[in-house]
Amino acid sequence: MDYIIKGANIYKNGKFMVSDMYVKNGTIAGVSPILSPLADTTVYNFDNAYLFPGLIDVHVHLREPGFSYKETVLSGTNAALHGGFTSVCPMPNLNPVPDCDETLKLQEEIIKRDAKVNVYPFGSITYGEKGEKLSDMNAMAGRVVGFSDDGRGVQSAEMMENAMKKAKSLGKIISAHCEDNSLLHGGVIHDGEFAKLSGIPGICSESEWKPIERDIALAAKTGCKYHVCHISTKESVALIREAKKNGVDITCETAPHYLVFDDGDIENHGRFKMNPPIRSRADKEALIEGVCDGTIDMIATDHAPHTVEEKSKGLIGSPFGVVGLETSFAACYTYLVKTGLISLQKLMALMHDNAMKRFGIGNSLEIGDKADFTVFDLSGEFTVNPEEFLTLGRSTPFEGKKLCGVCKMTAVSGDIRYGGNFNA
C-alpha cells in the first residue's frame, strides 16, 4: 500500500521538521514540507505527532527456542511494535544456545516464520554459554549482529581475550555481560541500604565494574569492537568514560529502569528484580550524567519476560528480569526529556542513531530506505497497566506509573503493523 503521512514532526539527520512523508512500495519515496497525494493514495493526517525512524533495541530476550512459555518471537516482536521498535537484537541464552550453524538455524527458522519486526540475533561467545570453549564464530559471523554470553559473564580473561581476537578477525562486536561470579555470594538486589534494612542478600557493584575494567584492557590490547551491556554502577561509567578518552573502541548501554529508579524505590516484589540490580541514588545520578555527556551510547531495555507465577515470589524467590519494550520510549521521554535532562534529539541518538551506527542496523528515513518508522503522540498520557501489554511478560517496575508518549503507528518495510489511527 502506498500512502502519505502529512504534517508530522519528522526526525531526520538529527533534526525535526514538520513535513509530509511519502511511502511507496515499502520504501521512503519522499520527505517534503508539502506533498500532494495521488488520487489512489491513502493519507494519514498526523498533525502535532512525531515521526521517528523505527527505534532500535540492541538487547532483548525473545525466549525462543526453549522458553516459549515465557515469550515467543511473535509475542515479543508484537510488543516491540507496540513500543515503536522496528529492529531488535535477541540475546543467545536460549535452548539450544545459538553457538554453531545448526543451532543458529533453529532460531533463524522461528524468526523467519513469526517475527513482526527486523530481528538480528546474537551468537554466543562460548559453546552453551558455559565459558569453556569458543563457539563456532566463523560459521555464524555473517548471520549475527555480534557475539555475547549474555546472562553470564565470561569468567576467564584468557577466554575473553581469545573471543575478542576472533571477533576482531571477523569484524564483529563482543557485547559483554560483565559479572564476576566470585563476588555474587547469592545476592539478589543492590548491596545498599534496602538490602541491609530488609536482610536480603546484596550484589556488590564490584561484581560489575571489575570485569569491565579487565575487558577494557583486553579490548585495548586486541583492538576488538567492544560493547558493554546494561551498565548500572558509577564506577562502570567512570571506567568507560576514561577508556573512550584513551581511544579504546568501546560503547555501552544502560536501561530505563536504572535511569529512573534507585534502591530507595524498591519493594519486595519480583517486578523490582533484575540483573544487574537497581542501584543507589549516586549510581543513578552517575548514569544520568553518563547519558548527558555521551559516555553512555544507547538505552536498551534488556526486555526479559517470565511468567506471572515465576515473578510472584518476591525478591528472593523470583527470577531476574523485567519487561521493557512497551514502556521504554515513554519512560525515557517522561523522566529524561520532559524533565529537561536531555533533548528529544538526544533521546533519538540513544534509542536509534548510535545503535544504527555501531551495529549497522536500522535506517534514517533517507530516500530509498525501507520505510521502518514509528509515530508518537508526545502529548498523550497513559498509566502503565501490564494487562494491556502484548508481551507475555507482566513484570515491570513501571507498573502504575503515568507516562507521556503514546505510540500511534509502527511500520516495517512500509507495512503498518501497529496502529494507524490518530486524533491529535
Protein backbone atom coordinates (compact mmCIF):
# COMPACT_ATOMS: atom_id res chain seq x y z
CA MET A 1 0.00 0.00 0.00
CA ASP A 2 1.27 3.47 -0.92
CA TYR A 3 0.44 6.32 1.45
CA ILE A 4 1.38 9.78 2.65
CA ILE A 5 1.79 10.85 6.25
CA LYS A 6 1.00 14.55 6.50
CA GLY A 7 2.01 17.19 8.99
CA ALA A 8 4.17 15.18 11.37
CA ASN A 9 7.30 16.43 13.10
CA ILE A 10 9.77 14.16 11.30
CA TYR A 11 13.17 13.32 12.78
CA LYS A 12 15.85 13.14 10.12
CA ASN A 13 19.60 13.78 10.23
CA GLY A 14 19.46 14.87 13.86
CA LYS A 15 16.76 17.49 13.34
CA PHE A 16 12.98 17.76 13.45
CA MET A 17 10.96 19.33 10.66
CA VAL A 18 7.22 19.50 10.04
CA SER A 19 6.87 17.58 6.79
CA ASP A 20 4.96 15.05 4.78
CA MET A 21 6.40 11.62 4.05
CA TYR A 22 5.54 9.50 1.02
CA VAL A 23 5.82 5.72 1.30
CA LYS A 24 5.78 3.81 -1.98
CA ASN A 25 6.36 0.08 -2.43
CA GLY A 26 7.60 -0.22 1.14
CA THR A 27 10.30 2.46 0.86
CA ILE A 28 10.68 6.16 1.61
CA ALA A 29 9.87 7.89 -1.68
CA GLY A 30 9.76 11.49 -0.47
CA VAL A 31 10.04 13.76 2.54
CA SER A 32 8.96 17.33 1.90
CA PRO A 33 7.06 20.17 3.61
CA ILE A 34 4.15 19.67 1.22
CA LEU A 35 3.36 16.53 -0.78
CA SER A 36 0.26 16.32 -2.95
CA PRO A 37 -1.26 12.83 -2.86
CA LEU A 38 -2.28 10.98 -5.98
CA ALA A 39 -5.95 10.06 -6.32
CA ASP A 40 -5.45 6.49 -5.08
CA THR A 41 -3.01 7.26 -2.26
CA THR A 42 -4.10 6.86 1.36
CA VAL A 43 -3.42 9.89 3.55
CA TYR A 44 -2.75 9.81 7.31
CA ASN A 45 -3.08 13.21 8.96
CA PHE A 46 -0.64 13.24 11.87
CA ASP A 47 -0.59 16.93 12.75
CA ASN A 48 1.27 17.52 16.04
CA ALA A 49 2.60 13.95 16.10
CA TYR A 50 6.27 12.98 15.98
CA LEU A 51 7.60 10.55 13.41
CA PHE A 52 10.87 8.78 14.17
CA PRO A 53 12.90 6.14 12.36
CA GLY A 54 11.93 2.80 13.89
CA LEU A 55 13.56 2.53 17.30
CA ILE A 56 16.37 0.02 17.79
CA ASP A 57 16.85 -2.19 20.86
CA VAL A 58 20.22 -3.96 20.94
CA HIS A 59 19.38 -6.08 23.99
CA VAL A 60 16.20 -8.16 24.24
CA HIS A 61 15.21 -11.70 25.16
CA LEU A 62 12.64 -13.32 22.87
CA ARG A 63 12.95 -16.71 24.65
CA GLU A 64 12.65 -18.93 21.55
CA PRO A 65 13.72 -21.62 21.09
CA GLY A 66 13.49 -23.23 24.51
CA PHE A 67 11.37 -20.97 26.70
CA SER A 68 8.22 -20.18 24.73
CA TYR A 69 6.10 -20.31 27.90
CA LYS A 70 7.82 -17.02 28.89
CA GLU A 71 7.75 -15.30 25.49
CA THR A 72 7.67 -16.14 21.79
CA VAL A 73 9.24 -14.40 18.83
CA LEU A 74 5.70 -13.49 17.79
CA SER A 75 4.62 -12.01 21.14
CA GLY A 76 7.95 -10.30 21.73
CA THR A 77 8.05 -8.63 18.33
CA ASN A 78 4.41 -7.56 18.66
CA ALA A 79 5.46 -5.90 21.92
CA ALA A 80 8.29 -4.23 20.02
CA LEU A 81 5.79 -2.78 17.53
CA HIS A 82 3.65 -1.51 20.41
CA GLY A 83 6.70 0.30 21.78
CA GLY A 84 7.82 1.81 18.48
CA PHE A 85 10.71 -0.57 17.79
CA THR A 86 11.33 -1.94 14.31
CA SER A 87 14.71 -3.60 14.97
CA VAL A 88 15.67 -5.77 17.94
CA CYS A 89 18.69 -7.90 18.83
CA PRO A 90 17.84 -11.02 20.88
CA MET A 91 20.41 -12.49 23.22
CA PRO A 92 21.55 -16.12 22.89
CA ASN A 93 20.69 -17.55 26.32
CA LEU A 94 18.25 -19.97 24.71
CA ASN A 95 17.83 -23.73 24.48
CA PRO A 96 19.66 -24.71 22.41
CA VAL A 97 22.11 -21.85 22.58
CA PRO A 98 22.91 -20.47 19.10
CA ASP A 99 26.57 -21.44 19.21
CA CYS A 100 27.07 -23.08 15.80
CA ASP A 101 25.47 -23.31 12.37
CA GLU A 102 22.91 -25.96 13.35
CA THR A 103 21.59 -24.30 16.50
CA LEU A 104 21.53 -20.84 14.94
CA LYS A 105 19.39 -22.21 12.11
CA LEU A 106 16.73 -23.30 14.61
CA GLN A 107 16.41 -19.74 15.86
CA GLU A 108 16.52 -18.30 12.36
CA GLU A 109 13.63 -20.51 11.23
CA ILE A 110 11.41 -19.22 14.04
CA ILE A 111 12.39 -15.63 13.31
CA LYS A 112 11.63 -16.04 9.61
CA ARG A 113 8.24 -17.57 10.38
CA ASP A 114 7.00 -15.35 13.19
CA ALA A 115 8.90 -12.08 13.58
CA LYS A 116 6.93 -8.88 13.05
CA VAL A 117 10.00 -6.60 13.18
CA ASN A 118 13.59 -6.88 11.99
CA VAL A 119 15.38 -9.36 14.25
CA TYR A 120 19.17 -9.50 14.36
CA PRO A 121 20.31 -12.30 16.68
CA PHE A 122 23.49 -12.53 18.69
CA GLY A 123 25.54 -15.70 18.56
CA SER A 124 27.10 -16.94 21.78
CA ILE A 125 30.74 -16.37 22.67
CA THR A 126 31.19 -19.88 24.05
CA TYR A 127 29.52 -23.22 23.44
CA GLY A 128 26.39 -23.44 25.59
CA GLU A 129 27.42 -20.15 27.21
CA LYS A 130 29.48 -22.32 29.56
CA GLY A 131 32.67 -20.31 29.21
CA GLU A 132 34.77 -23.36 28.37
CA LYS A 133 35.28 -23.31 24.59
CA LEU A 134 34.75 -20.67 21.92
CA SER A 135 31.59 -21.11 19.85
CA ASP A 136 31.78 -21.67 16.10
CA MET A 137 32.06 -17.95 15.46
CA ASN A 138 33.23 -18.48 11.89
CA ALA A 139 30.03 -20.29 10.92
CA MET A 140 27.76 -17.65 12.49
CA ALA A 141 29.60 -14.41 11.71
CA GLY A 142 27.69 -13.49 8.56
CA ARG A 143 24.30 -14.08 10.19
CA VAL A 144 24.61 -12.49 13.64
CA VAL A 145 24.89 -8.90 14.82
CA GLY A 146 27.63 -9.80 17.28
CA PHE A 147 28.63 -12.25 19.99
CA SER A 148 27.55 -12.37 23.62
CA ASP A 149 27.21 -14.79 26.51
CA ASP A 150 24.52 -12.57 27.99
CA GLY A 151 23.07 -13.80 31.24
CA ARG A 152 26.53 -14.96 32.26
CA GLY A 153 29.85 -13.23 32.48
CA VAL A 154 32.85 -14.79 30.74
CA GLN A 155 34.88 -15.59 33.85
CA SER A 156 38.22 -16.36 32.19
CA ALA A 157 40.34 -13.45 30.96
CA GLU A 158 42.10 -15.82 28.56
CA MET A 159 38.78 -16.93 27.08
CA MET A 160 37.62 -13.35 26.66
CA GLU A 161 40.88 -12.35 25.02
CA ASN A 162 40.60 -15.24 22.57
CA ALA A 163 37.00 -14.28 21.83
CA MET A 164 37.99 -10.67 21.18
CA LYS A 165 40.78 -11.74 18.81
CA LYS A 166 38.38 -13.94 16.88
CA ALA A 167 35.66 -11.28 16.79
CA LYS A 168 38.23 -8.73 15.60
CA SER A 169 39.24 -11.03 12.74
CA LEU A 170 35.59 -11.41 11.76
CA GLY A 171 34.73 -7.72 12.06
CA LYS A 172 32.16 -8.38 14.79
CA ILE A 173 31.30 -6.84 18.14
CA ILE A 174 31.68 -8.52 21.51
CA SER A 175 28.68 -7.46 23.60
CA ALA A 176 29.56 -8.36 27.15
CA HIS A 177 27.50 -9.19 30.20
CA CYS A 178 30.03 -8.18 32.86
CA GLU A 179 29.65 -10.12 36.09
CA ASP A 180 32.24 -11.72 38.34
CA ASN A 181 30.60 -14.80 39.83
CA SER A 182 33.09 -14.96 42.70
CA LEU A 183 31.69 -11.69 44.06
CA LEU A 184 27.97 -12.51 43.92
CA HIS A 185 27.53 -14.51 47.17
CA GLY A 186 23.90 -15.28 46.41
CA GLY A 187 22.89 -11.64 46.14
CA VAL A 188 19.60 -10.64 44.54
CA ILE A 189 19.46 -6.82 44.87
CA HIS A 190 21.98 -3.99 45.18
CA ASP A 191 24.17 -4.22 48.24
CA GLY A 192 22.82 -0.97 49.65
CA GLU A 193 20.51 0.43 52.29
CA PHE A 194 17.42 -1.53 51.27
CA ALA A 195 19.37 -4.79 51.34
CA LYS A 196 20.71 -4.02 54.82
CA LEU A 197 17.33 -2.98 56.21
CA SER A 198 15.46 -5.93 54.71
CA GLY A 199 18.08 -8.60 55.35
CA ILE A 200 18.08 -9.59 51.67
CA PRO A 201 21.48 -10.60 50.22
CA GLY A 202 23.09 -7.85 48.16
CA ILE A 203 25.06 -7.75 44.91
CA CYS A 204 28.15 -5.55 45.18
CA SER A 205 29.00 -3.01 42.48
CA GLU A 206 32.46 -4.52 42.08
CA SER A 207 30.92 -7.65 40.54
CA GLU A 208 30.08 -5.48 37.52
CA TRP A 209 32.87 -2.95 37.25
CA LYS A 210 35.82 -5.29 37.87
CA PRO A 211 35.08 -7.38 34.73
CA ILE A 212 34.59 -4.15 32.76
CA GLU A 213 38.00 -2.98 33.94
CA ARG A 214 39.50 -6.30 32.83
CA ASP A 215 37.77 -6.22 29.45
CA ILE A 216 38.77 -2.64 28.71
CA ALA A 217 42.41 -3.68 28.99
CA LEU A 218 41.75 -6.65 26.70
CA ALA A 219 39.88 -4.52 24.17
CA ALA A 220 42.77 -2.06 24.10
CA LYS A 221 45.18 -4.96 23.57
CA THR A 222 43.21 -6.73 20.83
CA GLY A 223 41.57 -3.77 19.04
CA CYS A 224 38.21 -5.53 19.26
CA LYS A 225 34.92 -3.65 18.95
CA TYR A 226 33.65 -3.94 22.50
CA HIS A 227 30.18 -3.12 23.82
CA VAL A 228 29.18 -3.30 27.49
CA CYS A 229 25.65 -4.46 28.30
CA HIS A 230 23.31 -2.88 30.86
CA ILE A 231 25.74 -0.86 33.00
CA SER A 232 24.38 0.11 36.41
CA THR A 233 27.20 1.50 38.56
CA LYS A 234 29.01 4.82 38.86
CA GLU A 235 32.36 3.00 38.64
CA SER A 236 31.34 1.47 35.31
CA VAL A 237 30.54 4.93 33.93
CA ALA A 238 33.90 6.30 35.08
CA LEU A 239 35.86 3.38 33.61
CA ILE A 240 34.12 3.62 30.22
CA ARG A 241 34.49 7.40 30.11
CA GLU A 242 38.24 7.05 30.67
CA ALA A 243 38.53 4.21 28.15
CA LYS A 244 36.91 6.38 25.48
CA LYS A 245 39.37 9.19 26.23
CA ASN A 246 42.18 6.66 25.76
CA GLY A 247 40.92 5.58 22.35
CA VAL A 248 39.51 2.16 23.21
CA ASP A 249 36.88 1.02 20.70
CA ILE A 250 34.13 0.81 23.32
CA THR A 251 30.43 1.59 23.55
CA CYS A 252 27.87 0.78 26.22
CA GLU A 253 24.20 0.74 27.09
CA THR A 254 22.05 1.19 30.13
CA ALA A 255 18.33 0.52 30.64
CA PRO A 256 15.44 2.86 31.51
CA HIS A 257 14.94 1.41 34.99
CA TYR A 258 18.50 2.28 36.03
CA LEU A 259 17.91 5.90 35.00
CA VAL A 260 14.57 6.27 36.79
CA PHE A 261 14.75 4.21 39.98
CA ASP A 262 17.22 3.76 42.82
CA ASP A 263 17.23 1.24 45.63
CA GLY A 264 15.12 3.59 47.75
CA ASP A 265 12.25 2.83 45.36
CA ILE A 266 12.49 -0.95 45.62
CA GLU A 267 9.65 -3.05 47.00
CA ASN A 268 9.79 -6.74 47.88
CA HIS A 269 8.23 -7.77 44.60
CA GLY A 270 9.54 -9.60 41.55
CA ARG A 271 8.96 -6.56 39.33
CA PHE A 272 11.97 -4.93 41.03
CA LYS A 273 14.33 -7.85 40.47
CA MET A 274 16.67 -7.71 37.50
CA ASN A 275 20.35 -8.33 36.84
CA PRO A 276 22.24 -6.11 37.32
CA PRO A 277 20.04 -4.69 40.08
CA ILE A 278 18.67 -1.19 40.52
CA ARG A 279 21.42 0.51 42.49
CA SER A 280 21.93 3.58 44.68
CA ARG A 281 20.93 7.18 44.03
CA ALA A 282 24.59 8.04 43.44
CA ASP A 283 24.77 5.33 40.78
CA LYS A 284 21.59 6.57 39.11
CA GLU A 285 22.92 10.13 39.06
CA ALA A 286 26.22 8.95 37.54
CA LEU A 287 24.32 7.05 34.85
CA ILE A 288 22.27 10.14 34.01
CA GLU A 289 25.49 12.17 33.81
CA GLY A 290 26.91 9.48 31.52
CA VAL A 291 23.87 9.75 29.27
CA CYS A 292 24.18 13.53 29.16
CA ASP A 293 27.91 13.66 28.38
CA GLY A 294 27.92 10.85 25.81
CA THR A 295 29.71 8.22 27.87
CA ILE A 296 26.60 6.05 27.59
CA ASP A 297 25.78 5.48 23.93
CA MET A 298 22.49 3.62 23.98
CA ILE A 299 19.40 2.89 26.01
CA ALA A 300 18.34 -0.75 25.66
CA THR A 301 15.56 -2.49 27.52
CA ASP A 302 17.07 -5.86 28.46
CA HIS A 303 13.46 -7.00 27.91
CA ALA A 304 13.41 -10.29 29.85
CA PRO A 305 9.93 -11.80 30.29
CA HIS A 306 8.98 -14.50 32.78
CA THR A 307 5.61 -15.93 33.72
CA VAL A 308 3.38 -14.24 36.28
CA GLU A 309 3.81 -17.22 38.59
CA GLU A 310 7.59 -17.10 38.35
CA LYS A 311 7.68 -13.40 39.19
CA SER A 312 5.21 -13.64 42.09
CA LYS A 313 7.74 -14.97 44.60
CA GLY A 314 9.25 -11.75 45.86
CA LEU A 315 12.81 -10.55 45.52
CA ILE A 316 14.41 -13.73 46.78
CA GLY A 317 12.26 -16.32 45.00
CA SER A 318 11.62 -14.66 41.63
CA PRO A 319 13.97 -14.99 38.64
CA PHE A 320 15.94 -12.00 37.42
CA GLY A 321 14.36 -9.99 34.60
CA VAL A 322 11.65 -7.47 33.75
CA VAL A 323 9.93 -6.45 30.53
CA GLY A 324 10.50 -3.10 28.86
CA LEU A 325 9.74 -2.88 25.15
CA GLU A 326 6.33 -1.28 25.63
CA THR A 327 7.40 1.33 28.19
CA SER A 328 10.96 2.21 27.18
CA PHE A 329 10.42 5.25 24.99
CA ALA A 330 7.66 6.72 27.12
CA ALA A 331 9.64 6.22 30.34
CA CYS A 332 12.71 7.90 28.88
CA TYR A 333 10.68 10.72 27.36
CA THR A 334 8.84 11.30 30.63
CA TYR A 335 11.79 11.14 33.03
CA LEU A 336 14.63 12.45 30.84
CA VAL A 337 13.19 14.76 28.15
CA LYS A 338 10.19 16.33 29.88
CA THR A 339 12.33 17.00 32.96
CA GLY A 340 14.87 18.86 30.82
CA LEU A 341 17.76 16.49 31.42
CA ILE A 342 18.22 15.75 27.71
CA SER A 343 16.69 16.89 24.42
CA LEU A 344 14.38 14.81 22.27
CA GLN A 345 17.18 14.71 19.67
CA LYS A 346 19.50 13.23 22.29
CA LEU A 347 16.91 10.59 23.14
CA MET A 348 16.73 9.63 19.47
CA ALA A 349 20.50 9.26 19.39
CA LEU A 350 20.27 6.94 22.40
CA MET A 351 17.39 4.88 21.04
CA HIS A 352 18.23 4.86 17.34
CA ASP A 353 21.17 6.75 15.85
CA ASN A 354 24.03 5.36 17.91
CA ALA A 355 22.81 1.77 17.65
CA MET A 356 22.42 2.14 13.90
CA LYS A 357 25.99 3.41 13.56
CA ARG A 358 27.58 0.90 15.93
CA PHE A 359 25.71 -2.27 14.95
CA GLY A 360 24.95 -1.41 11.33
CA ILE A 361 21.20 -1.96 11.55
CA GLY A 362 18.12 0.22 11.01
CA ASN A 363 17.81 3.27 8.74
CA SER A 364 17.42 7.02 8.93
CA LEU A 365 14.46 7.82 6.64
CA GLU A 366 16.61 8.64 3.60
CA ILE A 367 15.02 8.41 0.17
CA GLY A 368 15.14 4.76 -0.88
CA ASP A 369 15.41 3.43 2.69
CA LYS A 370 13.00 0.80 3.90
CA ALA A 371 10.03 2.56 5.46
CA ASP A 372 10.72 1.46 9.03
CA PHE A 373 9.26 4.15 11.26
CA THR A 374 7.10 4.91 14.25
CA VAL A 375 4.72 7.73 15.16
CA PHE A 376 4.16 9.00 18.71
CA ASP A 377 1.72 11.41 20.27
CA LEU A 378 4.00 13.06 22.81
CA SER A 379 1.10 14.85 24.48
CA GLY A 380 -0.69 11.57 25.15
CA GLU A 381 -0.50 10.05 28.62
CA PHE A 382 -1.15 6.56 29.91
CA THR A 383 -0.86 4.67 33.15
CA VAL A 384 1.25 1.53 32.80
CA ASN A 385 -1.05 -1.49 33.07
CA PRO A 386 0.78 -4.75 32.35
CA GLU A 387 -2.52 -6.46 31.50
CA GLU A 388 -2.56 -4.34 28.33
CA PHE A 389 0.89 -5.49 27.20
CA LEU A 390 1.40 -7.53 24.05
CA THR A 391 4.39 -9.30 25.58
CA LEU A 392 3.61 -12.44 27.58
CA GLY A 393 5.57 -10.91 30.47
CA ARG A 394 3.82 -8.72 33.01
CA SER A 395 6.59 -7.73 35.40
CA THR A 396 7.78 -4.11 35.21
CA PRO A 397 8.92 -1.60 37.84
CA PHE A 398 6.93 0.99 35.89
CA GLU A 399 3.60 -0.64 36.78
CA GLY A 400 1.14 2.08 37.84
CA LYS A 401 3.37 4.94 36.67
CA LYS A 402 1.85 7.66 34.49
CA LEU A 403 3.96 8.12 31.37
CA CYS A 404 3.85 10.55 28.44
CA GLY A 405 4.28 9.45 24.84
CA VAL A 406 1.78 7.12 23.18
CA CYS A 407 2.77 5.04 20.15
CA LYS A 408 0.19 5.54 17.42
CA MET A 409 1.74 3.69 14.49
CA THR A 410 4.68 1.45 13.69
CA ALA A 411 5.55 0.32 10.16
CA VAL A 412 8.11 -2.19 8.92
CA SER A 413 9.06 -2.00 5.23
CA GLY A 414 6.06 0.28 4.80
CA ASP A 415 3.65 -2.31 6.21
CA ILE A 416 1.68 -0.72 9.03
CA ARG A 417 1.84 -3.43 11.67
CA TYR A 418 0.66 -1.47 14.69
CA GLY A 419 -1.90 1.33 14.92
CA GLY A 420 -2.75 3.64 12.09
CA ASN A 421 -5.38 5.86 13.64
CA PHE A 422 -4.56 9.24 15.15
CA ASN A 423 -6.64 12.03 16.60
CA ALA A 424 -4.43 14.82 17.82
